[in-house]
Amino acid sequence: MDFDVTLADVQAAATRIAGKVRRTPTYHSAGLSARLGVETWIKLESLQLAGSFKVRGCYNRLTGLSEAELKRGVVTVSGGNHAIAVSLVAQAMGARALVLMPQATPALNIRLTQEAGGEVELCADSVAAFARAGEYERQGMVHVHSYDDPAIIAGHGTLGLELAGDAGGRLDHVFIAIGGGGFAAGVGTALKGLDPAVRLHGVETEGATTMTQALEAGGPVPIRPSSIARTLGAPFATERTMAAARQLLAEIVVVPDAEAVRELVWLLQNERVLVEPAAACVVAAALARKDSFRPGERIGLVLCGSNVALEDVARWRGEFAV
C-alpha cells in the first residue's frame, strides 16, 4: 500500500490537540555535541504527559470520535506507553478504556495504566490480546490501534513540527526509535514534509527488530521480542508503517541492549533526565554513525519516553556492567 498520512494531516492534528498536550523542551546539548563532534539537539518527549509521545496520537484519535462512540468506550492492546496514554486521554474525555495486556507486562506499566483510569485485562500474549480486541470491537467498542492508524500517526507527527520549529535552524539528521513504526512514520512525515533533505535514521534494539525483519521479508513478520526495550517490542509491523519506513527513512540502525543501557545512564548522569531504553537507544545509534557526520551538520535526537522502573535500571546496570 501507499503511505496515507501527509504533512497537512499532521498540521491539522497539531491544531486539534493544541492545549491538550505539552510542548516538550528542545535544547542544545553541549555534552552530546562534544561526543558526536557536531551540534546536537535533544527533544525531551520523556517529559510528556503520561511519560511518552503516545498522548499526542491518542488525543488526535479520540477527539475524532462521536459521542456515541465515546459512550461505547475504547479498547486497545498494549503493554506499554500506549496503554497509559489511551487510559489518560479516555478518562479526560469521559470514556471507558479497556486495555488488553500480555501477561508478561511489567508491574509498573499495569499500575500506571490503572492509575490513569484504564481497566486492565491480561491475555496470554499479544496475539491473544489482538484476537480479544476484535471480539470487543464486534460488541461495539472502538479499537484504538497503537500504531496502525492514520489519526494516531498524524498526532505523533506533531512532535516533528515542534522539533523543526524549536531547534533553531535546519537539522541534517534526526534519530528516532521504531517499535511498530507509527511514531517514526508521523515524525518523519512532519520533518520530511518541512525539509525533504533531512535524513531520518530509525533505531531498533537487538531483540526488537520488528521493522528490520518486515522490510527484509517484504511483509509483516510476527516476532517474539526479547529486548529489554519493551516499548519497542511490537509483535509485528504493518503494511502502512512499512510503507512509511520505505518512503521516509534513510536507514534503520540496530543497537545492542547494553549500549542503550549505557546511554540511559549517561543521560541520567549528564543531562539529568531519566529515559527508558527505547529513548536512550537513539544516542547509541548516533554514536554508531558519528564518523559519517560532516563538519557543520546539526543532529536531532528524539528521547521518546521515560516510563522505566528504577529497580530495572539498577538490574540492567549490573547485568551489562554499566
Protein backbone atom coordinates (compact mmCIF):
# COMPACT_ATOMS: atom_id res chain seq x y z
CA MET A 1 0.00 0.00 0.00
CA ASP A 2 0.97 3.66 -0.34
CA PHE A 3 1.56 5.56 2.89
CA ASP A 4 -1.56 7.61 3.59
CA VAL A 5 -0.58 10.33 6.09
CA THR A 6 0.52 13.77 4.88
CA LEU A 7 2.06 16.91 6.31
CA ALA A 8 -1.38 18.53 6.11
CA ASP A 9 -2.77 15.72 8.30
CA VAL A 10 -0.06 16.37 10.90
CA GLN A 11 -0.68 20.12 10.83
CA ALA A 12 -4.42 19.54 11.31
CA ALA A 13 -3.64 17.26 14.25
CA ALA A 14 -1.49 19.97 15.83
CA THR A 15 -4.47 22.32 15.77
CA ARG A 16 -6.78 19.63 17.14
CA ILE A 17 -4.63 18.70 20.15
CA ALA A 18 -3.32 22.19 20.96
CA GLY A 19 -3.61 22.84 24.67
CA LYS A 20 -4.15 19.17 25.47
CA VAL A 21 -0.51 18.04 25.40
CA ARG A 22 2.77 19.59 26.48
CA ARG A 23 5.13 21.29 24.07
CA THR A 24 8.11 19.45 25.47
CA PRO A 25 11.56 21.11 25.59
CA THR A 26 14.02 21.05 22.71
CA TYR A 27 17.52 22.17 23.64
CA HIS A 28 21.13 22.13 22.54
CA SER A 29 23.25 19.57 24.40
CA ALA A 30 26.86 20.63 24.88
CA GLY A 31 27.77 17.18 26.20
CA LEU A 32 26.35 15.24 23.28
CA SER A 33 27.69 17.77 20.79
CA ALA A 34 31.17 17.10 22.16
CA ARG A 35 30.69 13.33 21.98
CA LEU A 36 29.27 13.36 18.45
CA GLY A 37 31.51 16.08 17.05
CA VAL A 38 28.59 18.08 15.62
CA GLU A 39 25.90 20.39 17.03
CA THR A 40 23.31 18.17 18.68
CA TRP A 41 19.76 18.99 19.80
CA ILE A 42 17.55 16.90 22.07
CA LYS A 43 13.75 16.72 22.03
CA LEU A 44 12.73 15.79 25.59
CA GLU A 45 9.47 13.98 24.91
CA SER A 46 10.24 11.98 28.04
CA LEU A 47 8.60 14.90 29.90
CA GLN A 48 5.31 14.50 28.02
CA LEU A 49 2.04 13.72 29.83
CA ALA A 50 1.86 10.02 30.71
CA GLY A 51 5.61 9.80 30.20
CA SER A 52 5.78 9.46 26.41
CA PHE A 53 4.74 10.77 22.99
CA LYS A 54 1.72 8.47 22.92
CA VAL A 55 -0.79 11.02 24.21
CA ARG A 56 -0.34 13.02 21.01
CA GLY A 57 -1.80 10.34 18.79
CA CYS A 58 -4.39 9.27 21.35
CA TYR A 59 -5.83 12.77 21.68
CA ASN A 60 -5.95 13.13 17.91
CA ARG A 61 -7.74 9.78 17.56
CA LEU A 62 -10.21 10.13 20.41
CA THR A 63 -11.21 13.72 19.68
CA GLY A 64 -12.39 12.42 16.32
CA LEU A 65 -14.88 10.00 17.90
CA SER A 66 -18.58 10.73 18.12
CA GLU A 67 -20.42 10.98 21.43
CA ALA A 68 -21.97 7.59 20.73
CA GLU A 69 -18.57 6.02 20.13
CA LEU A 70 -17.14 7.56 23.28
CA LYS A 71 -20.11 6.24 25.23
CA ARG A 72 -19.40 2.70 23.98
CA GLY A 73 -15.79 3.01 25.12
CA VAL A 74 -12.43 2.18 23.59
CA VAL A 75 -10.36 -0.97 23.67
CA THR A 76 -6.66 -1.26 22.90
CA VAL A 77 -3.79 -3.74 23.00
CA SER A 78 -0.63 -2.55 24.72
CA GLY A 79 1.76 -3.48 27.48
CA GLY A 80 3.48 -0.13 27.48
CA ASN A 81 3.20 3.58 26.90
CA HIS A 82 0.18 3.41 24.58
CA ALA A 83 -1.81 1.70 27.34
CA ILE A 84 -1.09 4.51 29.77
CA ALA A 85 -1.82 7.22 27.21
CA VAL A 86 -5.12 5.77 25.99
CA SER A 87 -6.26 5.45 29.58
CA LEU A 88 -5.33 9.03 30.44
CA VAL A 89 -6.96 10.52 27.34
CA ALA A 90 -10.11 8.41 27.63
CA GLN A 91 -10.52 9.41 31.26
CA ALA A 92 -10.13 13.09 30.33
CA MET A 93 -12.87 12.66 27.72
CA GLY A 94 -15.21 10.72 29.99
CA ALA A 95 -14.88 7.42 28.12
CA ARG A 96 -14.19 3.90 29.31
CA ALA A 97 -10.79 2.47 28.32
CA LEU A 98 -10.26 -1.28 28.33
CA VAL A 99 -6.60 -2.24 27.93
CA LEU A 100 -5.64 -5.77 26.91
CA MET A 101 -2.14 -6.58 28.11
CA PRO A 102 0.14 -9.61 27.70
CA GLN A 103 0.70 -11.45 30.96
CA ALA A 104 4.41 -10.58 30.79
CA THR A 105 3.68 -6.84 31.08
CA PRO A 106 5.83 -5.19 33.79
CA ALA A 107 4.02 -4.40 37.03
CA LEU A 108 4.92 -0.71 36.69
CA ASN A 109 3.06 -0.42 33.39
CA ILE A 110 -0.01 -2.16 34.78
CA ARG A 111 -0.07 0.18 37.77
CA LEU A 112 0.44 3.33 35.68
CA THR A 113 -2.34 2.24 33.31
CA GLN A 114 -4.76 1.66 36.15
CA GLU A 115 -3.82 4.93 37.84
CA ALA A 116 -4.56 6.69 34.54
CA GLY A 117 -8.08 5.27 34.61
CA GLY A 118 -7.73 2.21 32.39
CA GLU A 119 -9.29 -1.20 33.05
CA VAL A 120 -6.69 -3.93 32.56
CA GLU A 121 -7.40 -7.39 31.22
CA LEU A 122 -4.42 -9.74 30.97
CA CYS A 123 -4.07 -12.08 27.98
CA ALA A 124 -1.64 -14.90 27.27
CA ASP A 125 0.35 -12.83 24.77
CA SER A 126 -0.02 -10.08 22.16
CA VAL A 127 -1.57 -12.42 19.60
CA ALA A 128 -4.28 -13.43 22.05
CA ALA A 129 -4.78 -9.80 23.06
CA PHE A 130 -5.39 -8.66 19.47
CA ALA A 131 -7.87 -11.50 18.97
CA ARG A 132 -9.67 -10.47 22.13
CA ALA A 133 -9.72 -6.84 20.96
CA GLY A 134 -11.51 -7.98 17.82
CA GLU A 135 -14.21 -9.57 19.98
CA TYR A 136 -14.77 -6.36 21.92
CA GLU A 137 -14.82 -4.37 18.68
CA ARG A 138 -17.60 -6.60 17.35
CA GLN A 139 -19.51 -5.85 20.55
CA GLY A 140 -19.36 -2.11 19.77
CA MET A 141 -16.20 -0.79 21.40
CA VAL A 142 -13.79 1.31 19.31
CA HIS A 143 -10.44 -0.39 18.76
CA VAL A 144 -7.63 2.17 19.06
CA HIS A 145 -4.60 0.54 17.45
CA SER A 146 -1.31 1.66 18.93
CA TYR A 147 0.42 2.36 15.61
CA ASP A 148 -1.55 1.22 12.53
CA ASP A 149 -3.95 4.17 12.46
CA PRO A 150 -3.65 7.36 10.37
CA ALA A 151 -5.02 9.55 13.19
CA ILE A 152 -2.56 8.08 15.69
CA ILE A 153 0.33 8.57 13.27
CA ALA A 154 -0.68 12.16 12.44
CA GLY A 155 -0.93 13.01 16.13
CA HIS A 156 2.53 11.64 16.81
CA GLY A 157 3.81 13.72 13.93
CA THR A 158 3.11 16.91 15.86
CA LEU A 159 6.36 16.26 17.73
CA GLY A 160 8.19 16.68 14.43
CA LEU A 161 6.61 20.08 13.88
CA GLU A 162 7.79 21.19 17.32
CA LEU A 163 11.29 19.83 16.84
CA ALA A 164 11.68 21.59 13.50
CA GLY A 165 10.38 24.85 14.95
CA ASP A 166 12.38 24.80 18.17
CA ALA A 167 15.81 23.52 17.04
CA GLY A 168 16.87 26.97 15.91
CA GLY A 169 17.75 26.01 12.36
CA ARG A 170 17.96 23.19 9.87
CA LEU A 171 18.56 19.64 11.11
CA ASP A 172 20.58 17.38 8.83
CA HIS A 173 19.99 14.11 10.70
CA VAL A 174 17.28 13.03 13.14
CA PHE A 175 17.36 9.75 15.07
CA ILE A 176 14.07 8.24 16.23
CA ALA A 177 13.17 4.89 17.78
CA ILE A 178 10.96 2.37 15.99
CA GLY A 179 8.53 -0.03 17.65
CA GLY A 180 5.64 -0.80 15.33
CA GLY A 181 6.63 2.17 13.20
CA GLY A 182 3.77 4.62 13.79
CA PHE A 183 5.86 7.14 15.71
CA ALA A 184 8.65 7.26 13.16
CA ALA A 185 6.02 7.49 10.41
CA GLY A 186 4.37 10.53 11.96
CA VAL A 187 7.52 12.40 12.94
CA GLY A 188 9.09 11.53 9.61
CA THR A 189 6.07 12.87 7.73
CA ALA A 190 6.38 16.18 9.53
CA LEU A 191 10.15 16.56 9.21
CA LYS A 192 10.44 15.41 5.59
CA GLY A 193 7.38 17.44 4.67
CA LEU A 194 9.05 20.57 6.01
CA ASP A 195 12.55 19.73 4.72
CA PRO A 196 12.89 16.87 2.23
CA ALA A 197 16.68 16.92 2.62
CA VAL A 198 16.70 15.83 6.28
CA ARG A 199 17.97 12.27 6.80
CA LEU A 200 15.88 10.19 9.19
CA HIS A 201 17.55 7.30 10.99
CA GLY A 202 15.23 4.74 12.53
CA VAL A 203 16.58 2.91 15.57
CA GLU A 204 15.80 -0.56 16.91
CA THR A 205 17.44 -2.69 19.59
CA GLU A 206 18.62 -6.24 19.14
CA GLY A 207 15.71 -8.46 20.10
CA ALA A 208 13.14 -5.90 18.92
CA THR A 209 13.86 -5.71 15.18
CA THR A 210 10.23 -5.69 14.10
CA MET A 211 10.63 -3.30 11.19
CA THR A 212 14.01 -4.60 10.04
CA GLN A 213 12.66 -8.13 9.74
CA ALA A 214 9.48 -6.98 7.98
CA LEU A 215 11.38 -4.97 5.38
CA GLU A 216 13.78 -7.83 4.75
CA ALA A 217 10.88 -10.27 4.32
CA GLY A 218 8.81 -7.90 2.18
CA GLY A 219 5.84 -8.11 4.54
CA PRO A 220 4.86 -8.13 8.22
CA VAL A 221 6.64 -10.80 10.25
CA PRO A 222 5.39 -11.77 13.73
CA ILE A 223 8.20 -11.62 16.28
CA ARG A 224 8.65 -12.53 19.92
CA PRO A 225 10.65 -9.58 21.27
CA SER A 226 13.45 -10.28 23.73
CA SER A 227 14.98 -6.79 24.13
CA ILE A 228 14.86 -5.00 27.46
CA ALA A 229 13.48 -2.05 25.46
CA ARG A 230 9.98 -3.40 25.96
CA THR A 231 8.21 -0.45 24.39
CA LEU A 232 9.98 -1.23 21.11
CA GLY A 233 8.75 -4.81 21.15
CA ALA A 234 5.80 -4.52 18.78
CA PRO A 235 4.68 -8.02 17.74
CA PHE A 236 4.56 -7.03 14.06
CA ALA A 237 4.87 -4.12 11.66
CA THR A 238 2.02 -3.36 9.25
CA GLU A 239 1.78 -2.59 5.55
CA ARG A 240 1.10 1.06 6.44
CA THR A 241 4.11 1.50 8.71
CA MET A 242 6.32 -0.45 6.34
CA ALA A 243 5.30 1.89 3.50
CA ALA A 244 6.20 4.85 5.71
CA ALA A 245 9.59 3.36 6.55
CA ARG A 246 10.40 2.79 2.90
CA GLN A 247 9.33 6.32 1.98
CA LEU A 248 10.83 8.28 4.87
CA LEU A 249 13.80 6.52 6.46
CA ALA A 250 17.36 6.66 5.21
CA GLU A 251 18.22 3.55 7.25
CA ILE A 252 17.49 1.58 10.39
CA VAL A 253 20.29 1.29 12.95
CA VAL A 254 20.16 -1.70 15.32
CA VAL A 255 21.99 -1.33 18.64
CA PRO A 256 22.63 -3.82 21.48
CA ASP A 257 20.67 -3.54 24.72
CA ALA A 258 23.93 -2.93 26.58
CA GLU A 259 24.57 0.26 24.59
CA ALA A 260 21.03 1.50 25.24
CA VAL A 261 21.56 0.99 28.98
CA ARG A 262 24.95 2.71 28.89
CA GLU A 263 23.40 5.78 27.24
CA LEU A 264 20.44 5.71 29.62
CA VAL A 265 22.89 6.02 32.50
CA TRP A 266 24.90 8.71 30.68
CA LEU A 267 21.76 10.78 30.08
CA LEU A 268 20.73 10.48 33.71
CA GLN A 269 24.15 11.48 34.99
CA ASN A 270 25.00 14.17 32.44
CA GLU A 271 21.72 15.59 31.11
CA ARG A 272 19.86 15.00 34.39
CA VAL A 273 16.96 13.29 32.61
CA LEU A 274 15.51 9.82 33.14
CA VAL A 275 14.56 7.97 29.96
CA GLU A 276 13.70 4.40 29.05
CA PRO A 277 15.93 2.20 26.85
CA ALA A 278 13.66 2.89 23.85
CA ALA A 279 14.75 6.53 24.11
CA ALA A 280 18.40 6.06 25.07
CA CYS A 281 19.00 3.78 22.09
CA VAL A 282 18.90 6.77 19.72
CA VAL A 283 22.00 8.18 21.41
CA ALA A 284 23.76 4.85 20.93
CA ALA A 285 22.73 4.85 17.25
CA ALA A 286 24.02 8.39 16.70
CA LEU A 287 27.35 7.42 18.23
CA ALA A 288 27.49 4.43 15.89
CA ARG A 289 27.10 6.82 12.94
CA LYS A 290 29.42 9.51 14.30
CA ASP A 291 32.05 9.06 11.61
CA SER A 292 29.52 9.77 8.85
CA PHE A 293 28.60 13.25 10.11
CA ARG A 294 30.13 16.16 8.20
CA PRO A 295 31.52 19.34 9.79
CA GLY A 296 28.78 21.90 10.29
CA GLU A 297 25.92 19.42 10.29
CA ARG A 298 23.25 19.54 13.00
CA ILE A 299 21.73 16.47 14.66
CA GLY A 300 18.39 15.92 16.37
CA LEU A 301 17.76 13.13 18.90
CA VAL A 302 14.20 12.32 19.98
CA LEU A 303 14.02 10.98 23.55
CA CYS A 304 10.58 9.43 23.31
CA GLY A 305 9.67 8.25 26.82
CA SER A 306 10.54 7.84 30.48
CA ASN A 307 8.34 5.04 31.82
CA VAL A 308 11.01 2.86 33.39
CA ALA A 309 11.31 1.37 36.88
CA LEU A 310 14.42 2.34 38.81
CA GLU A 311 14.85 -1.23 40.02
CA ASP A 312 15.06 -2.31 36.37
CA VAL A 313 17.74 0.30 35.71
CA ALA A 314 19.72 -0.97 38.69
CA ARG A 315 19.39 -4.57 37.50
CA TRP A 316 20.44 -3.69 33.92
CA ARG A 317 23.49 -1.82 35.18
CA GLY A 318 24.61 -4.99 36.95
CA GLU A 319 23.70 -7.27 34.05
CA PHE A 320 25.57 -5.21 31.47
CA ALA A 321 28.33 -3.95 33.80
CA VAL A 322 27.49 -0.30 33.06
